[in-house]
Amino acid sequence: MKSNEKRMIGKTKDVGFQVGARKTFNIRLEKAWDFITSSSALAIWLGEIKQIKEGVRFQLENGISGQIRVFSALSHIRLSWKHPDWERSSTIQVRVIPRKDKTVIAFHQEHLPGIEEREIRKEFFKNVLQEFESMLTKNI
C-alpha cells in the first residue's frame, strides 16, 4: 500500500472485505453447540435448511446458496455462502469457543464484495447475536 492510500476498515489484502462478530454467553460449550446447530438457531443465522453436516449443499428461498465445507462438532462450521447478486461466494465461519463456564459464539465472513455488503453483514450478525441472547436467556 502506498503511503498516500488509506486502508479501508474491514478490507484485507487476501480475502477482500471481511467482518466478524462475537458474544460471550453464560452457557457451557456443549449447550452452545447444540443451540447453534438447532433448527431454531439455524433459521436465524443461516436459513431454513434440512440438515447441517459436511458436504450438504443448500438453496434458500431468498436465492442464497452454498455448501457446508467443514462441520467440526463442538468447534466450528465453515460454509460457502453466495448472495444471488454477488459474483463470487463468500465464506462464513461459526465458532464456539470455551471460556471457563461460558462460551463465545463467533461469526466471521470473508470475501465480501464491498464495504456496503460488509456493513449489512455486520448489522446482520449483531442482530443474530442479540436474538441468540434473547432465546438463551429464556431457556436458562
Protein backbone atom coordinates (compact mmCIF):
# COMPACT_ATOMS: atom_id res chain seq x y z
CA MET A 1 0.00 0.00 0.00
CA LYS A 2 1.34 3.41 -0.91
CA SER A 3 1.76 5.94 1.88
CA ASN A 4 -0.96 8.22 0.45
CA GLU A 5 -3.56 5.41 0.24
CA LYS A 6 -5.97 4.98 3.13
CA ARG A 7 -6.69 1.46 4.28
CA MET A 8 -10.41 0.71 4.39
CA ILE A 9 -11.80 -0.82 7.56
CA GLY A 10 -12.58 -4.47 7.02
CA LYS A 11 -10.57 -4.83 3.83
CA THR A 12 -7.69 -7.27 3.72
CA LYS A 13 -5.06 -7.96 1.12
CA ASP A 14 -6.01 -11.62 0.73
CA VAL A 15 -9.74 -12.06 1.34
CA GLY A 16 -11.22 -8.72 0.38
CA PHE A 17 -13.76 -7.33 2.78
CA GLN A 18 -14.48 -9.27 5.94
CA VAL A 19 -16.49 -8.87 9.11
CA GLY A 20 -16.77 -10.59 12.44
CA ALA A 21 -18.98 -10.51 15.49
CA ARG A 22 -18.84 -12.40 18.76
CA LYS A 23 -20.56 -12.57 22.09
CA THR A 24 -19.93 -14.48 25.30
CA PHE A 25 -22.86 -16.47 26.67
CA ASN A 26 -23.31 -17.89 30.14
CA ILE A 27 -23.61 -21.48 28.91
CA ARG A 28 -21.27 -24.42 28.55
CA LEU A 29 -19.70 -25.34 25.20
CA GLU A 30 -21.92 -28.36 24.58
CA LYS A 31 -25.10 -26.35 25.09
CA ALA A 32 -23.81 -23.56 22.81
CA TRP A 33 -23.01 -26.10 20.07
CA ASP A 34 -26.38 -27.81 20.39
CA PHE A 35 -28.03 -24.40 20.25
CA ILE A 36 -26.27 -23.01 17.13
CA THR A 37 -26.94 -26.24 15.24
CA SER A 38 -30.61 -26.41 16.29
CA SER A 39 -33.27 -25.69 13.69
CA SER A 40 -34.46 -22.59 15.58
CA ALA A 41 -30.97 -21.03 15.71
CA LEU A 42 -30.10 -22.13 12.15
CA ALA A 43 -33.22 -20.35 10.90
CA ILE A 44 -31.82 -17.13 12.39
CA TRP A 45 -28.18 -17.23 11.25
CA LEU A 46 -28.41 -19.29 8.07
CA GLY A 47 -31.96 -20.02 6.99
CA GLU A 48 -34.32 -22.92 6.68
CA ILE A 49 -32.10 -25.85 5.72
CA LYS A 50 -32.96 -29.53 6.01
CA GLN A 51 -29.70 -30.68 7.60
CA ILE A 52 -26.36 -29.31 8.61
CA LYS A 53 -23.46 -31.64 8.01
CA GLU A 54 -20.30 -31.57 5.94
CA GLY A 55 -20.88 -31.66 2.20
CA VAL A 56 -24.54 -30.59 2.27
CA ARG A 57 -25.48 -28.06 -0.40
CA PHE A 58 -28.32 -25.65 0.23
CA GLN A 59 -30.51 -23.25 -1.72
CA LEU A 60 -32.63 -20.86 0.34
CA GLU A 61 -35.91 -19.28 -0.73
CA ASN A 62 -34.22 -15.85 -0.93
CA GLY A 63 -31.79 -17.14 -3.58
CA ILE A 64 -28.79 -17.58 -1.29
CA SER A 65 -26.91 -20.80 -1.93
CA GLY A 66 -23.91 -22.55 -0.50
CA GLN A 67 -22.31 -25.66 0.86
CA ILE A 68 -21.27 -26.80 4.33
CA ARG A 69 -17.49 -27.25 3.92
CA VAL A 70 -16.49 -28.12 7.50
CA PHE A 71 -18.62 -29.40 10.34
CA SER A 72 -16.36 -29.98 13.33
CA ALA A 73 -18.53 -30.86 16.33
CA LEU A 74 -18.08 -28.68 19.42
CA SER A 75 -15.74 -26.41 17.46
CA HIS A 76 -16.79 -24.77 14.20
CA ILE A 77 -18.74 -24.76 10.98
CA ARG A 78 -17.38 -23.33 7.73
CA LEU A 79 -19.53 -22.85 4.67
CA SER A 80 -19.65 -21.15 1.33
CA TRP A 81 -22.44 -18.57 1.11
CA LYS A 82 -23.44 -16.82 -2.10
CA HIS A 83 -25.89 -13.99 -2.43
CA PRO A 84 -27.60 -14.18 -5.87
CA ASP A 85 -26.37 -10.67 -6.77
CA TRP A 86 -22.72 -11.36 -5.93
CA GLU A 87 -20.14 -12.53 -8.46
CA ARG A 88 -18.49 -14.98 -6.07
CA SER A 89 -19.21 -16.89 -2.91
CA SER A 90 -18.12 -15.68 0.48
CA THR A 91 -17.05 -17.87 3.38
CA ILE A 92 -18.81 -17.90 6.74
CA GLN A 93 -17.27 -19.49 9.79
CA VAL A 94 -19.13 -20.02 13.06
CA ARG A 95 -17.13 -20.96 16.14
CA VAL A 96 -17.94 -21.92 19.70
CA ILE A 97 -15.02 -21.08 21.98
CA PRO A 98 -14.93 -22.20 25.63
CA ARG A 99 -14.17 -19.56 28.28
CA LYS A 100 -14.28 -21.24 31.72
CA ASP A 101 -18.01 -21.86 32.39
CA LYS A 102 -19.04 -19.63 29.48
CA THR A 103 -18.83 -19.89 25.70
CA VAL A 104 -18.10 -17.38 22.97
CA ILE A 105 -20.19 -17.72 19.82
CA ALA A 106 -18.31 -16.07 16.96
CA PHE A 107 -19.22 -15.35 13.35
CA HIS A 108 -16.74 -14.39 10.67
CA GLN A 109 -17.44 -13.76 6.99
CA GLU A 110 -14.84 -13.04 4.31
CA HIS A 111 -14.74 -12.45 0.56
CA LEU A 112 -17.47 -9.82 0.78
CA PRO A 113 -17.78 -7.77 -2.42
CA GLY A 114 -17.54 -4.33 -0.82
CA ILE A 115 -17.88 -2.00 2.13
CA GLU A 116 -21.67 -1.74 1.83
CA GLU A 117 -22.09 -5.51 1.98
CA ARG A 118 -19.69 -5.58 4.94
CA GLU A 119 -21.87 -3.11 6.86
CA ILE A 120 -25.03 -5.07 6.02
CA ARG A 121 -23.48 -8.33 7.24
CA LYS A 122 -22.04 -6.63 10.35
CA GLU A 123 -25.54 -5.46 11.33
CA PHE A 124 -26.93 -8.91 10.47
CA PHE A 125 -24.51 -10.75 12.78
CA LYS A 126 -25.05 -8.19 15.54
CA ASN A 127 -28.80 -8.86 15.33
CA VAL A 128 -28.25 -12.63 15.26
CA LEU A 129 -26.25 -12.48 18.48
CA GLN A 130 -28.90 -10.30 20.13
CA GLU A 131 -31.58 -12.79 19.11
CA PHE A 132 -29.44 -15.65 20.45
CA GLU A 133 -29.11 -13.81 23.76
CA SER A 134 -32.88 -13.39 23.96
CA MET A 135 -33.51 -17.04 23.15
CA LEU A 136 -30.86 -18.38 25.53
CA THR A 137 -31.98 -16.13 28.39
CA LYS A 138 -35.48 -17.59 28.11
CA ASN A 139 -34.09 -21.14 28.22
CA ILE A 140 -31.64 -20.82 31.11
